[in-house]
Amino acid sequence: MLMLIWLNKYMKKEKIKWWGMILILMFLAGGSFAVNAEDDEDDEDEDEEERRESSSSSSTSNVVTQATTSTSKSVETVILKDSDGDGILDKDDKHPNVAEIYIVEDNDRNGIVDNFEK
């Protein structure tokens, strides 16, 4: 970047264009060499690993079997009755034919439902 500023001050615009293109090409070429060098290092590592594997005289074989999984689906329909429709099942309801909202208790027999007296 500083190089371009220097070029801008001291050289003509046409020369700046050429120098800018040369710098860009140099950066691109340098980047491709760096990528190729990394690839060569990776290849060398792989070659060394292959040599190590081929030089070992003992061989092992692993047999892998897939575990089997079986599933089954069953649907069972259970019908529970609620004859009076109050939300309490008949087997748990003291009065299965009459809804609980219609049953009141007045133990002191004063004409007022005990729930409202509390």
PDB file of N, CA and C in Angstrom:
ATOM      1  N   MET A   1       0.829  -1.187   0.000  1.00  0.00           N
ATOM      2  CA  MET A   1       0.000   0.000   0.000  1.00  0.00           C
ATOM      3  C   MET A   1       0.873   1.249   0.000  1.00  0.00           C
ATOM      4  N   LEU A   2       1.884   1.252   0.852  1.00  0.00           N
ATOM      5  CA  LEU A   2       2.797   2.393   0.886  1.00  0.00           C
ATOM      6  C   LEU A   2       3.549   2.539  -0.432  1.00  0.00           C
ATOM      7  N   MET A   3       3.804   1.381  -1.027  1.00  0.00           N
ATOM      8  CA  MET A   3       4.506   1.393  -2.305  1.00  0.00           C
ATOM      9  C   MET A   3       3.664   2.114  -3.350  1.00  0.00           C
ATOM     10  N   LEU A   4       2.351   1.885  -3.351  1.00  0.00           N
ATOM     11  CA  LEU A   4       1.483   2.536  -4.327  1.00  0.00           C
ATOM     12  C   LEU A   4       1.417   4.041  -4.085  1.00  0.00           C
ATOM     13  N   ILE A   5       1.429   4.445  -2.822  1.00  0.00           N
ATOM     14  CA  ILE A   5       1.406   5.880  -2.518  1.00  0.00           C
ATOM     15  C   ILE A   5       2.694   6.531  -3.026  1.00  0.00           C
ATOM     16  N   TRP A   6       3.809   5.872  -2.795  1.00  0.00           N
ATOM     17  CA  TRP A   6       5.097   6.385  -3.274  1.00  0.00           C
ATOM     18  C   TRP A   6       5.101   6.489  -4.796  1.00  0.00           C
ATOM     19  N   LEU A   7       4.557   5.421  -5.435  1.00  0.00           N
ATOM     20  CA  LEU A   7       4.508   5.430  -6.891  1.00  0.00           C
ATOM     21  C   LEU A   7       3.619   6.549  -7.401  1.00  0.00           C
ATOM     22  N   ASN A   8       2.547   6.821  -6.692  1.00  0.00           N
ATOM     23  CA  ASN A   8       1.605   7.856  -7.098  1.00  0.00           C
ATOM     24  C   ASN A   8       2.268   9.224  -7.083  1.00  0.00           C
ATOM     25  N   LYS A   9       3.135   9.480  -6.118  1.00  0.00           N
ATOM     26  CA  LYS A   9       3.768  10.796  -6.007  1.00  0.00           C
ATOM     27  C   LYS A   9       4.869  10.997  -7.046  1.00  0.00           C
ATOM     28  N   TYR A  10       5.643   9.969  -7.298  1.00  0.00           N
ATOM     29  CA  TYR A  10       6.869  10.148  -8.063  1.00  0.00           C
ATOM     30  C   TYR A  10       6.825   9.638  -9.500  1.00  0.00           C
ATOM     31  N   MET A  11       5.783   8.968  -9.897  1.00  0.00           N
ATOM     32  CA  MET A  11       5.769   8.432 -11.257  1.00  0.00           C
ATOM     33  C   MET A  11       4.498   8.873 -11.969  1.00  0.00           C
ATOM     34  N   LYS A  12       4.536   8.712 -13.244  1.00  0.00           N
ATOM     35  CA  LYS A  12       3.377   9.089 -14.040  1.00  0.00           C
ATOM     36  C   LYS A  12       2.275   8.046 -13.860  1.00  0.00           C
ATOM     37  N   LYS A  13       1.064   8.429 -14.185  1.00  0.00           N
ATOM     38  CA  LYS A  13      -0.090   7.551 -13.989  1.00  0.00           C
ATOM     39  C   LYS A  13       0.005   6.276 -14.818  1.00  0.00           C
ATOM     40  N   GLU A  14       0.551   6.363 -16.003  1.00  0.00           N
ATOM     41  CA  GLU A  14       0.658   5.178 -16.843  1.00  0.00           C
ATOM     42  C   GLU A  14       1.601   4.155 -16.227  1.00  0.00           C
ATOM     43  N   LYS A  15       2.696   4.644 -15.697  1.00  0.00           N
ATOM     44  CA  LYS A  15       3.645   3.741 -15.073  1.00  0.00           C
ATOM     45  C   LYS A  15       3.054   3.119 -13.805  1.00  0.00           C
ATOM     46  N   ILE A  16       2.227   3.884 -13.097  1.00  0.00           N
ATOM     47  CA  ILE A  16       1.589   3.380 -11.877  1.00  0.00           C
ATOM     48  C   ILE A  16       0.684   2.195 -12.211  1.00  0.00           C
ATOM     49  N   LYS A  17      -0.049   2.296 -13.313  1.00  0.00           N
ATOM     50  CA  LYS A  17      -0.920   1.199 -13.729  1.00  0.00           C
ATOM     51  C   LYS A  17      -0.107  -0.064 -13.978  1.00  0.00           C
ATOM     52  N   TRP A  18       1.025   0.112 -14.686  1.00  0.00           N
ATOM     53  CA  TRP A  18       1.852  -1.063 -14.988  1.00  0.00           C
ATOM     54  C   TRP A  18       2.459  -1.647 -13.717  1.00  0.00           C
ATOM     55  N   TRP A  19       2.970  -0.798 -12.848  1.00  0.00           N
ATOM     56  CA  TRP A  19       3.555  -1.290 -11.593  1.00  0.00           C
ATOM     57  C   TRP A  19       2.489  -1.958 -10.718  1.00  0.00           C
ATOM     58  N   GLY A  20       1.280  -1.399 -10.697  1.00  0.00           N
ATOM     59  CA  GLY A  20       0.194  -2.004  -9.917  1.00  0.00           C
ATOM     60  C   GLY A  20      -0.144  -3.400 -10.428  1.00  0.00           C
ATOM     61  N   MET A  21      -0.202  -3.545 -11.754  1.00  0.00           N
ATOM     62  CA  MET A  21      -0.485  -4.865 -12.324  1.00  0.00           C
ATOM     63  C   MET A  21       0.638  -5.847 -12.019  1.00  0.00           C
ATOM     64  N   ILE A  22       1.879  -5.382 -12.072  1.00  0.00           N
ATOM     65  CA  ILE A  22       3.019  -6.253 -11.768  1.00  0.00           C
ATOM     66  C   ILE A  22       2.963  -6.707 -10.312  1.00  0.00           C
ATOM     67  N   LEU A  23       2.648  -5.784  -9.409  1.00  0.00           N
ATOM     68  CA  LEU A  23       2.554  -6.148  -7.986  1.00  0.00           C
ATOM     69  C   LEU A  23       1.438  -7.163  -7.740  1.00  0.00           C
ATOM     70  N   ILE A  24       0.314  -6.950  -8.383  1.00  0.00           N
ATOM     71  CA  ILE A  24      -0.804  -7.879  -8.229  1.00  0.00           C
ATOM     72  C   ILE A  24      -0.423  -9.264  -8.732  1.00  0.00           C
ATOM     73  N   LEU A  25       0.226  -9.313  -9.895  1.00  0.00           N
ATOM     74  CA  LEU A  25       0.660 -10.596 -10.441  1.00  0.00           C
ATOM     75  C   LEU A  25       1.676 -11.276  -9.524  1.00  0.00           C
ATOM     76  N   MET A  26       2.554 -10.491  -8.914  1.00  0.00           N
ATOM     77  CA  MET A  26       3.531 -11.073  -8.001  1.00  0.00           C
ATOM     78  C   MET A  26       2.842 -11.670  -6.774  1.00  0.00           C
ATOM     79  N   PHE A  27       1.850 -10.967  -6.238  1.00  0.00           N
ATOM     80  CA  PHE A  27       1.129 -11.489  -5.081  1.00  0.00           C
ATOM     81  C   PHE A  27       0.383 -12.772  -5.432  1.00  0.00           C
ATOM     82  N   LEU A  28      -0.233 -12.801  -6.607  1.00  0.00           N
ATOM     83  CA  LEU A  28      -0.964 -13.993  -7.018  1.00  0.00           C
ATOM     84  C   LEU A  28      -0.026 -15.173  -7.215  1.00  0.00           C
ATOM     85  N   ALA A  29       1.116 -14.915  -7.864  1.00  0.00           N
ATOM     86  CA  ALA A  29       2.083 -15.992  -8.105  1.00  0.00           C
ATOM     87  C   ALA A  29       2.660 -16.479  -6.790  1.00  0.00           C
ATOM     88  N   GLY A  30       2.987 -15.580  -5.891  1.00  0.00           N
ATOM     89  CA  GLY A  30       3.530 -15.975  -4.587  1.00  0.00           C
ATOM     90  C   GLY A  30       2.528 -16.786  -3.786  1.00  0.00           C
ATOM     91  N   GLY A  31       1.249 -16.438  -3.849  1.00  0.00           N
ATOM     92  CA  GLY A  31       0.223 -17.189  -3.140  1.00  0.00           C
ATOM     93  C   GLY A  31       0.071 -18.592  -3.681  1.00  0.00           C
ATOM     94  N   SER A  32       0.162 -18.740  -5.010  1.00  0.00           N
ATOM     95  CA  SER A  32       0.024 -20.080  -5.580  1.00  0.00           C
ATOM     96  C   SER A  32       1.213 -20.957  -5.218  1.00  0.00           C
ATOM     97  N   PHE A  33       2.426 -20.380  -5.131  1.00  0.00           N
ATOM     98  CA  PHE A  33       3.588 -21.158  -4.706  1.00  0.00           C
ATOM     99  C   PHE A  33       3.444 -21.619  -3.269  1.00  0.00           C
ATOM    100  N   ALA A  34       2.904 -20.763  -2.420  1.00  0.00           N
ATOM    101  CA  ALA A  34       2.728 -21.125  -1.014  1.00  0.00           C
ATOM    102  C   ALA A  34       1.735 -22.278  -0.888  1.00  0.00           C
ATOM    103  N   VAL A  35       0.661 -22.254  -1.668  1.00  0.00           N
ATOM    104  CA  VAL A  35      -0.324 -23.339  -1.630  1.00  0.00           C
ATOM    105  C   VAL A  35       0.290 -24.636  -2.114  1.00  0.00           C
ATOM    106  N   ASN A  36       1.066 -24.571  -3.178  1.00  0.00           N
ATOM    107  CA  ASN A  36       1.721 -25.776  -3.703  1.00  0.00           C
ATOM    108  C   ASN A  36       2.713 -26.339  -2.694  1.00  0.00           C
ATOM    109  N   ALA A  37       3.429 -25.486  -1.969  1.00  0.00           N
ATOM    110  CA  ALA A  37       4.401 -25.954  -0.978  1.00  0.00           C
ATOM    111  C   ALA A  37       3.683 -26.698   0.147  1.00  0.00           C
ATOM    112  N   GLU A  38       2.535 -26.191   0.589  1.00  0.00           N
ATOM    113  CA  GLU A  38       1.768 -26.875   1.636  1.00  0.00           C
ATOM    114  C   GLU A  38       1.277 -28.229   1.143  1.00  0.00           C
ATOM    115  N   ASP A  39       0.848 -28.303  -0.111  1.00  0.00           N
ATOM    116  CA  ASP A  39       0.386 -29.574  -0.670  1.00  0.00           C
ATOM    117  C   ASP A  39       1.525 -30.585  -0.706  1.00  0.00           C
ATOM    118  N   ASP A  40       2.733 -30.124  -1.061  1.00  0.00           N
ATOM    119  CA  ASP A  40       3.889 -31.020  -1.107  1.00  0.00           C
ATOM    120  C   ASP A  40       4.200 -31.569   0.277  1.00  0.00           C
ATOM    121  N   GLU A  41       4.098 -30.720   1.315  1.00  0.00           N
ATOM    122  CA  GLU A  41       4.353 -31.186   2.680  1.00  0.00           C
ATOM    123  C   GLU A  41       3.333 -32.240   3.086  1.00  0.00           C
ATOM    124  N   ASP A  42       2.068 -32.019   2.737  1.00  0.00           N
ATOM    125  CA  ASP A  42       1.026 -33.001   3.055  1.00  0.00           C
ATOM    126  C   ASP A  42       1.299 -34.323   2.347  1.00  0.00           C
ATOM    127  N   ASP A  43       1.726 -34.237   1.078  1.00  0.00           N
ATOM    128  CA  ASP A  43       2.026 -35.457   0.320  1.00  0.00           C
ATOM    129  C   ASP A  43       3.180 -36.216   0.955  1.00  0.00           C
ATOM    130  N   GLU A  44       4.182 -35.482   1.430  1.00  0.00           N
ATOM    131  CA  GLU A  44       5.328 -36.133   2.067  1.00  0.00           C
ATOM    132  C   GLU A  44       4.901 -36.846   3.348  1.00  0.00           C
ATOM    133  N   ASP A  45       4.037 -36.196   4.128  1.00  0.00           N
ATOM    134  CA  ASP A  45       3.545 -36.825   5.357  1.00  0.00           C
ATOM    135  C   ASP A  45       2.778 -38.101   5.040  1.00  0.00           C
ATOM    136  N   GLU A  46       1.955 -38.056   4.017  1.00  0.00           N
ATOM    137  CA  GLU A  46       1.182 -39.241   3.632  1.00  0.00           C
ATOM    138  C   GLU A  46       2.100 -40.362   3.158  1.00  0.00           C
ATOM    139  N   ASP A  47       3.139 -40.000   2.403  1.00  0.00           N
ATOM    140  CA  ASP A  47       4.088 -41.014   1.927  1.00  0.00           C
ATOM    141  C   ASP A  47       4.794 -41.684   3.103  1.00  0.00           C
ATOM    142  N   GLU A  48       5.181 -40.897   4.105  1.00  0.00           N
ATOM    143  CA  GLU A  48       5.851 -41.465   5.280  1.00  0.00           C
ATOM    144  C   GLU A  48       4.921 -42.423   6.021  1.00  0.00           C
ATOM    145  N   GLU A  49       3.675 -42.049   6.161  1.00  0.00           N
ATOM    146  CA  GLU A  49       2.713 -42.924   6.832  1.00  0.00           C
ATOM    147  C   GLU A  49       2.530 -44.228   6.061  1.00  0.00           C
ATOM    148  N   GLU A  50       2.467 -44.136   4.739  1.00  0.00           N
ATOM    149  CA  GLU A  50       2.323 -45.343   3.927  1.00  0.00           C
ATOM    150  C   GLU A  50       3.540 -46.252   4.064  1.00  0.00           C
ATOM    151  N   ARG A  51       4.726 -45.654   4.117  1.00  0.00           N
ATOM    152  CA  ARG A  51       5.939 -46.447   4.288  1.00  0.00           C
ATOM    153  C   ARG A  51       5.944 -47.158   5.638  1.00  0.00           C
ATOM    154  N   ARG A  52       5.518 -46.451   6.666  1.00  0.00           N
ATOM    155  CA  ARG A  52       5.452 -47.066   7.994  1.00  0.00           C
ATOM    156  C   ARG A  52       4.471 -48.231   8.020  1.00  0.00           C
ATOM    157  N   GLU A  53       3.321 -48.021   7.376  1.00  0.00           N
ATOM    158  CA  GLU A  53       2.313 -49.079   7.351  1.00  0.00           C
ATOM    159  C   GLU A  53       2.785 -50.284   6.546  1.00  0.00           C
ATOM    160  N   SER A  54       3.454 -50.039   5.442  1.00  0.00           N
ATOM    161  CA  SER A  54       3.894 -51.148   4.593  1.00  0.00           C
ATOM    162  C   SER A  54       5.081 -51.877   5.215  1.00  0.00           C
ATOM    163  N   SER A  55       5.878 -51.178   6.021  1.00  0.00           N
ATOM    164  CA  SER A  55       7.053 -51.821   6.600  1.00  0.00           C
ATOM    165  C   SER A  55       6.696 -52.716   7.785  1.00  0.00           C
ATOM    166  N   SER A  56       5.570 -52.514   8.404  1.00  0.00           N
ATOM    167  CA  SER A  56       5.201 -53.371   9.542  1.00  0.00           C
ATOM    168  C   SER A  56       4.825 -54.753   9.014  1.00  0.00           C
ATOM    169  N   SER A  57       5.389 -55.793   9.647  1.00  0.00           N
ATOM    170  CA  SER A  57       5.195 -57.152   9.145  1.00  0.00           C
ATOM    171  C   SER A  57       3.939 -57.808   9.704  1.00  0.00           C
ATOM    172  N   SER A  58       3.456 -57.349  10.835  1.00  0.00           N
ATOM    173  CA  SER A  58       2.255 -57.975  11.413  1.00  0.00           C
ATOM    174  C   SER A  58       1.012 -57.354  10.787  1.00  0.00           C
ATOM    175  N   SER A  59       0.035 -58.201  10.563  1.00  0.00           N
ATOM    176  CA  SER A  59      -1.205 -57.694   9.989  1.00  0.00           C
ATOM    177  C   SER A  59      -2.363 -58.079  10.901  1.00  0.00           C
ATOM    178  N   THR A  60      -3.253 -57.176  11.066  1.00  0.00           N
ATOM    179  CA  THR A  60      -4.439 -57.422  11.889  1.00  0.00           C
ATOM    180  C   THR A  60      -5.663 -57.170  11.036  1.00  0.00           C
ATOM    181  N   SER A  61      -6.676 -57.955  11.288  1.00  0.00           N
ATOM    182  CA  SER A  61      -7.928 -57.749  10.561  1.00  0.00           C
ATOM    183  C   SER A  61      -9.047 -57.596  11.577  1.00  0.00           C
ATOM    184  N   ASN A  62      -9.832 -56.595  11.371  1.00  0.00           N
ATOM    185  CA  ASN A  62     -10.968 -56.325  12.238  1.00  0.00           C
ATOM    186  C   ASN A  62     -12.244 -56.597  11.454  1.00  0.00           C
ATOM    187  N   VAL A  63     -13.101 -57.400  12.037  1.00  0.00           N
ATOM    188  CA  VAL A  63     -14.378 -57.701  11.411  1.00  0.00           C
ATOM    189  C   VAL A  63     -15.436 -56.925  12.168  1.00  0.00           C
ATOM    190  N   VAL A  64     -16.141 -56.108  11.454  1.00  0.00           N
ATOM    191  CA  VAL A  64     -17.170 -55.276  12.066  1.00  0.00           C
ATOM    192  C   VAL A  64     -18.521 -55.750  11.559  1.00  0.00           C
ATOM    193  N   THR A  65     -19.399 -56.081  12.488  1.00  0.00           N
ATOM    194  CA  THR A  65     -20.752 -56.481  12.099  1.00  0.00           C
ATOM    195  C   THR A  65     -21.724 -55.433  12.609  1.00  0.00           C
ATOM    196  N   GLN A  66     -22.730 -55.207  11.844  1.00  0.00           N
ATOM    197  CA  GLN A  66     -23.714 -54.200  12.198  1.00  0.00           C
ATOM    198  C   GLN A  66     -24.693 -54.779  13.205  1.00  0.00           C
ATOM    199  N   ALA A  67     -24.949 -54.020  14.247  1.00  0.00           N
ATOM    200  CA  ALA A  67     -25.918 -54.445  15.251  1.00  0.00           C
ATOM    201  C   ALA A  67     -27.322 -54.292  14.668  1.00  0.00           C
ATOM    202  N   THR A  68     -28.149 -55.282  14.918  1.00  0.00           N
ATOM    203  CA  THR A  68     -29.516 -55.220  14.392  1.00  0.00           C
ATOM    204  C   THR A  68     -30.440 -54.678  15.468  1.00  0.00           C
ATOM    205  N   THR A  69     -31.336 -53.874  15.042  1.00  0.00           N
ATOM    206  CA  THR A  69     -32.324 -53.282  15.940  1.00  0.00           C
ATOM    207  C   THR A  69     -33.702 -53.569  15.374  1.00  0.00           C
ATOM    208  N   SER A  70     -34.546 -54.124  16.208  1.00  0.00           N
ATOM    209  CA  SER A  70     -35.910 -54.381  15.747  1.00  0.00           C
ATOM    210  C   SER A  70     -36.873 -53.604  16.628  1.00  0.00           C
ATOM    211  N   THR A  71     -37.838 -53.013  15.987  1.00  0.00           N
ATOM    212  CA  THR A  71     -38.857 -52.249  16.705  1.00  0.00           C
ATOM    213  C   THR A  71     -40.224 -52.755  16.300  1.00  0.00           C
ATOM    214  N   SER A  72     -41.161 -52.585  17.196  1.00  0.00           N
ATOM    215  CA  SER A  72     -42.538 -52.957  16.873  1.00  0.00           C
ATOM    216  C   SER A  72     -43.461 -51.892  17.435  1.00  0.00           C
ATOM    217  N   LYS A  73     -44.582 -51.751  16.811  1.00  0.00           N
ATOM    218  CA  LYS A  73     -45.555 -50.742  17.219  1.00  0.00           C
ATOM    219  C   LYS A  73     -46.870 -51.447  17.512  1.00  0.00           C
ATOM    220  N   SER A  74     -47.431 -51.144  18.661  1.00  0.00           N
ATOM    221  CA  SER A  74     -48.729 -51.723  18.985  1.00  0.00           C
ATOM    222  C   SER A  74     -49.634 -50.611  19.502  1.00  0.00           C
ATOM    223  N   VAL A  75     -50.872 -50.685  19.116  1.00  0.00           N
ATOM    224  CA  VAL A  75     -51.860 -49.697  19.512  1.00  0.00           C
ATOM    225  C   VAL A  75     -52.980 -50.424  20.230  1.00  0.00           C
ATOM    226  N   GLU A  76     -53.295 -49.935  21.411  1.00  0.00           N
ATOM    227  CA  GLU A  76     -54.368 -50.546  22.193  1.00  0.00           C
ATOM    228  C   GLU A  76     -55.378 -49.458  22.533  1.00  0.00           C
ATOM    229  N   THR A  77     -56.624 -49.701  22.234  1.00  0.00           N
ATOM    230  CA  THR A  77     -57.674 -48.739  22.507  1.00  0.00           C
ATOM    231  C   THR A  77     -58.363 -49.112  23.812  1.00  0.00           C
ATOM    232  N   VAL A  78     -58.369 -48.164  24.734  1.00  0.00           N
ATOM    233  CA  VAL A  78     -59.008 -48.369  26.034  1.00  0.00           C
ATOM    234  C   VAL A  78     -60.114 -47.336  26.160  1.00  0.00           C
ATOM    235  N   ILE A  79     -61.310 -47.814  26.392  1.00  0.00           N
ATOM    236  CA  ILE A  79     -62.448 -46.917  26.527  1.00  0.00           C
ATOM    237  C   ILE A  79     -62.828 -46.857  27.998  1.00  0.00           C
ATOM    238  N   LEU A  80     -62.770 -45.653  28.552  1.00  0.00           N
ATOM    239  CA  LEU A  80     -63.153 -45.423  29.941  1.00  0.00           C
ATOM    240  C   LEU A  80     -64.441 -44.606  29.932  1.00  0.00           C
ATOM    241  N   LYS A  81     -65.393 -45.022  30.738  1.00  0.00           N
ATOM    242  CA  LYS A  81     -66.718 -44.386  30.701  1.00  0.00           C
ATOM    243  C   LYS A  81     -66.818 -43.241  31.712  1.00  0.00           C
ATOM    244  N   ASP A  82     -67.526 -42.226  31.298  1.00  0.00           N
ATOM    245  CA  ASP A  82     -67.908 -41.106  32.150  1.00  0.00           C
ATOM    246  C   ASP A  82     -69.348 -40.778  31.776  1.00  0.00           C
ATOM    247  N   SER A  83     -70.263 -41.445  32.400  1.00  0.00           N
ATOM    248  CA  SER A  83     -71.676 -41.361  32.009  1.00  0.00           C
ATOM    249  C   SER A  83     -72.266 -39.974  32.196  1.00  0.00           C
ATOM    250  N   ASP A  84     -71.933 -39.295  33.285  1.00  0.00           N
ATOM    251  CA  ASP A  84     -72.555 -37.998  33.547  1.00  0.00           C
ATOM    252  C   ASP A  84     -71.790 -36.825  32.938  1.00  0.00           C
ATOM    253  N   GLY A  85     -70.583 -37.053  32.383  1.00  0.00           N
ATOM    254  CA  GLY A  85     -69.845 -36.008  31.683  1.00  0.00           C
ATOM    255  C   GLY A  85     -69.248 -34.954  32.589  1.00  0.00           C
ATOM    256  N   ASP A  86     -68.996 -35.273  33.847  1.00  0.00           N
ATOM    257  CA  ASP A  86     -68.420 -34.288  34.759  1.00  0.00           C
ATOM    258  C   ASP A  86     -66.894 -34.350  34.824  1.00  0.00           C
ATOM    259  N   GLY A  87     -66.258 -35.231  34.053  1.00  0.00           N
ATOM    260  CA  GLY A  87     -64.808 -35.324  34.023  1.00  0.00           C
ATOM    261  C   GLY A  87     -64.250 -36.330  34.999  1.00  0.00           C
ATOM    262  N   ILE A  88     -65.091 -36.953  35.807  1.00  0.00           N
ATOM    263  CA  ILE A  88     -64.645 -37.991  36.731  1.00  0.00           C
ATOM    264  C   ILE A  88     -65.129 -39.319  36.170  1.00  0.00           C
ATOM    265  N   LEU A  89     -64.191 -40.273  36.034  1.00  0.00           N
ATOM    266  CA  LEU A  89     -64.564 -41.569  35.465  1.00  0.00           C
ATOM    267  C   LEU A  89     -65.553 -42.285  36.376  1.00  0.00           C
ATOM    268  N   ASP A  90     -66.397 -43.132  35.765  1.00  0.00           N
ATOM    269  CA  ASP A  90     -67.433 -43.825  36.531  1.00  0.00           C
ATOM    270  C   ASP A  90     -66.845 -44.682  37.653  1.00  0.00           C
ATOM    271  N   LYS A  91     -65.680 -45.266  37.448  1.00  0.00           N
ATOM    272  CA  LYS A  91     -65.111 -46.113  38.486  1.00  0.00           C
ATOM    273  C   LYS A  91     -64.664 -45.304  39.701  1.00  0.00           C
ATOM    274  N   ASP A  92     -64.363 -43.976  39.534  1.00  0.00           N
ATOM    275  CA  ASP A  92     -63.942 -43.120  40.639  1.00  0.00           C
ATOM    276  C   ASP A  92     -65.043 -42.195  41.129  1.00  0.00           C
ATOM    277  N   ASP A  93     -66.200 -42.182  40.477  1.00  0.00           N
ATOM    278  CA  ASP A  93     -67.281 -41.237  40.787  1.00  0.00           C
ATOM    279  C   ASP A  93     -68.230 -41.836  41.817  1.00  0.00           C
ATOM    280  N   LYS A  94     -68.539 -41.037  42.859  1.00  0.00           N
ATOM    281  CA  LYS A  94     -69.513 -41.510  43.876  1.00  0.00           C
ATOM    282  C   LYS A  94     -70.915 -41.578  43.289  1.00  0.00           C
ATOM    283  N   HIS A  95     -71.218 -40.663  42.389  1.00  0.00           N
ATOM    284  CA  HIS A  95     -72.536 -40.605  41.750  1.00  0.00           C
ATOM    285  C   HIS A  95     -72.327 -40.621  40.239  1.00  0.00           C
ATOM    286  N   PRO A  96     -72.207 -41.792  39.623  1.00  0.00           N
ATOM    287  CA  PRO A  96     -71.862 -41.845  38.201  1.00  0.00           C
ATOM    288  C   PRO A  96     -72.950 -41.343  37.255  1.00  0.00           C
ATOM    289  N   ASN A  97     -74.180 -41.249  37.704  1.00  0.00           N
ATOM    290  CA  ASN A  97     -75.263 -40.812  36.824  1.00  0.00           C
ATOM    291  C   ASN A  97     -75.599 -39.342  36.975  1.00  0.00           C
ATOM    292  N   VAL A  98     -75.086 -38.676  38.013  1.00  0.00           N
ATOM    293  CA  VAL A  98     -75.376 -37.258  38.262  1.00  0.00           C
ATOM    294  C   VAL A  98     -74.044 -36.502  38.291  1.00  0.00           C
ATOM    295  N   ALA A  99     -73.990 -35.372  37.560  1.00  0.00           N
ATOM    296  CA  ALA A  99     -72.766 -34.573  37.536  1.00  0.00           C
ATOM    297  C   ALA A  99     -72.523 -33.956  38.907  1.00  0.00           C
ATOM    298  N   GLU A 100     -71.260 -33.776  39.245  1.00  0.00           N
ATOM    299  CA  GLU A 100     -70.887 -33.290  40.574  1.00  0.00           C
ATOM    300  C   GLU A 100     -71.349 -31.860  40.817  1.00  0.00           C
ATOM    301  N   ILE A 101     -71.545 -31.055  39.767  1.00  0.00           N
ATOM    302  CA  ILE A 101     -71.979 -29.675  39.981  1.00  0.00           C
ATOM    303  C   ILE A 101     -73.418 -29.612  40.503  1.00  0.00           C
ATOM    304  N   TYR A 102     -74.168 -30.688  40.325  1.00  0.00           N
ATOM    305  CA  TYR A 102     -75.559 -30.692  40.800  1.00  0.00           C
ATOM    306  C   TYR A 102     -75.689 -31.270  42.203  1.00  0.00           C
ATOM    307  N   ILE A 103     -74.639 -31.811  42.756  1.00  0.00           N
ATOM    308  CA  ILE A 103     -74.696 -32.400  44.087  1.00  0.00           C
ATOM    309  C   ILE A 103     -74.185 -31.366  45.081  1.00  0.00           C
ATOM    310  N   VAL A 104     -75.006 -31.042  46.052  1.00  0.00           N
ATOM    311  CA  VAL A 104     -74.639 -30.064  47.074  1.00  0.00           C
ATOM    312  C   VAL A 104     -74.747 -30.712  48.436  1.00  0.00           C
ATOM    313  N   GLU A 105     -74.020 -30.144  49.378  1.00  0.00           N
ATOM    314  CA  GLU A 105     -74.068 -30.640  50.747  1.00  0.00           C
ATOM    315  C   GLU A 105     -74.526 -29.512  51.665  1.00  0.00           C
ATOM    316  N   ASP A 106     -75.469 -29.817  52.496  1.00  0.00           N
ATOM    317  CA  ASP A 106     -75.950 -28.876  53.505  1.00  0.00           C
ATOM    318  C   ASP A 106     -76.102 -29.669  54.790  1.00  0.00           C
ATOM    319  N   ASN A 107     -74.966 -29.916  55.467  1.00  0.00           N
ATOM    320  CA  ASN A 107     -74.984 -30.766  56.658  1.00  0.00           C
ATOM    321  C   ASN A 107     -75.677 -30.107  57.844  1.00  0.00           C
ATOM    322  N   ASP A 108     -75.633 -28.760  57.956  1.00  0.00           N
ATOM    323  CA  ASP A 108     -76.296 -28.107  59.094  1.00  0.00           C
ATOM    324  C   ASP A 108     -77.756 -27.766  58.792  1.00  0.00           C
ATOM    325  N   ARG A 109     -78.223 -28.053  57.619  1.00  0.00           N
ATOM    326  CA  ARG A 109     -79.605 -27.905  57.167  1.00  0.00           C
ATOM    327  C   ARG A 109     -80.153 -26.494  57.380  1.00  0.00           C
ATOM    328  N   ASN A 110     -79.358 -25.499  57.037  1.00  0.00           N
ATOM    329  CA  ASN A 110     -79.821 -24.128  57.142  1.00  0.00           C
ATOM    330  C   ASN A 110     -80.246 -23.580  55.787  1.00  0.00           C
ATOM    331  N   GLY A 111     -80.156 -24.371  54.710  1.00  0.00           N
ATOM    332  CA  GLY A 111     -80.601 -23.953  53.399  1.00  0.00           C
ATOM    333  C   GLY A 111     -79.498 -23.325  52.565  1.00  0.00           C
ATOM    334  N   ILE A 112     -78.284 -23.218  53.107  1.00  0.00           N
ATOM    335  CA  ILE A 112     -77.159 -22.638  52.378  1.00  0.00           C
ATOM    336  C   ILE A 112     -76.141 -23.767  52.168  1.00  0.00           C
ATOM    337  N   VAL A 113     -75.659 -23.858  50.953  1.00  0.00           N
ATOM    338  CA  VAL A 113     -74.680 -24.894  50.615  1.00  0.00           C
ATOM    339  C   VAL A 113     -73.427 -24.660  51.468  1.00  0.00           C
ATOM    340  N   ASP A 114     -72.879 -25.737  52.010  1.00  0.00           N
ATOM    341  CA  ASP A 114     -71.732 -25.645  52.919  1.00  0.00           C
ATOM    342  C   ASP A 114     -70.508 -25.009  52.245  1.00  0.00           C
ATOM    343  N   ASN A 115     -70.326 -25.217  50.960  1.00  0.00           N
ATOM    344  CA  ASN A 115     -69.172 -24.620  50.260  1.00  0.00           C
ATOM    345  C   ASN A 115     -69.236 -23.100  50.267  1.00  0.00           C
ATOM    346  N   PHE A 116     -70.412 -22.507  50.234  1.00  0.00           N
ATOM    347  CA  PHE A 116     -70.565 -21.064  50.224  1.00  0.00           C
ATOM    348  C   PHE A 116     -70.457 -20.468  51.623  1.00  0.00           C
ATOM    349  N   GLU A 117     -70.633 -21.268  52.657  1.00  0.00           N
ATOM    350  CA  GLU A 117     -70.573 -20.753  54.034  1.00  0.00           C
ATOM    351  C   GLU A 117     -69.127 -20.566  54.506  1.00  0.00           C
ATOM    352  N   LYS A 118     -68.188 -21.138  53.862  1.00  0.00           N
ATOM    353  CA  LYS A 118     -66.808 -21.045  54.343  1.00  0.00           C
ATOM    354  C   LYS A 118     -66.197 -19.705  54.140  1.00  0.00           C
TER     355      LYS A 118
END
